[in-house]
Amino acid sequence: NKVTAKPVTIGIADEHIGFIVGRGGRNITEIRQ
């Protein structure tokens, strides 16, 4: 269960980070894409 939950948690965290970075500065978001 832990192994299955890890990718999901990382995926959700990545989305939150991308959203926060997007609000903080679009330049960083463009570089990531």
Protein backbone atom coordinates (compact mmCIF):
# COMPACT_ATOMS: atom_id res chain seq x y z
CA ASN A 1 0.00 0.00 0.00
CA LYS A 2 2.81 2.42 0.87
CA VAL A 3 4.53 1.82 -2.46
CA THR A 4 1.25 2.47 -4.28
CA ALA A 5 0.51 5.60 -2.25
CA LYS A 6 3.93 7.16 -2.81
CA PRO A 7 3.54 7.99 -6.54
CA VAL A 8 0.09 9.44 -5.87
CA THR A 9 1.41 11.62 -3.05
CA ILE A 10 4.32 12.79 -5.19
CA GLY A 11 1.97 13.54 -8.08
CA ILE A 12 -0.34 15.60 -5.85
CA ALA A 13 2.63 17.40 -4.29
CA ASP A 14 4.02 18.17 -7.75
CA GLU A 15 0.68 19.67 -8.79
CA HIS A 16 0.57 21.84 -5.66
CA ILE A 17 4.17 22.95 -6.19
CA GLY A 18 3.45 23.75 -9.83
CA PHE A 19 0.38 25.76 -8.80
CA ILE A 20 2.29 27.67 -6.11
CA VAL A 21 5.20 28.33 -8.46
CA GLY A 22 2.72 29.42 -11.14
CA ARG A 23 1.29 32.01 -8.72
CA GLY A 24 4.76 33.09 -7.56
CA GLY A 25 6.27 33.47 -11.03
CA ARG A 26 5.16 32.35 -14.47
CA ASN A 27 8.76 32.33 -15.73
CA ILE A 28 9.65 29.37 -13.49
CA THR A 29 6.54 27.50 -14.64
CA GLU A 30 7.46 28.07 -18.30
CA ILE A 31 10.97 26.75 -17.68
CA ARG A 32 9.58 23.57 -16.05
CA GLN A 33 7.32 22.91 -19.04
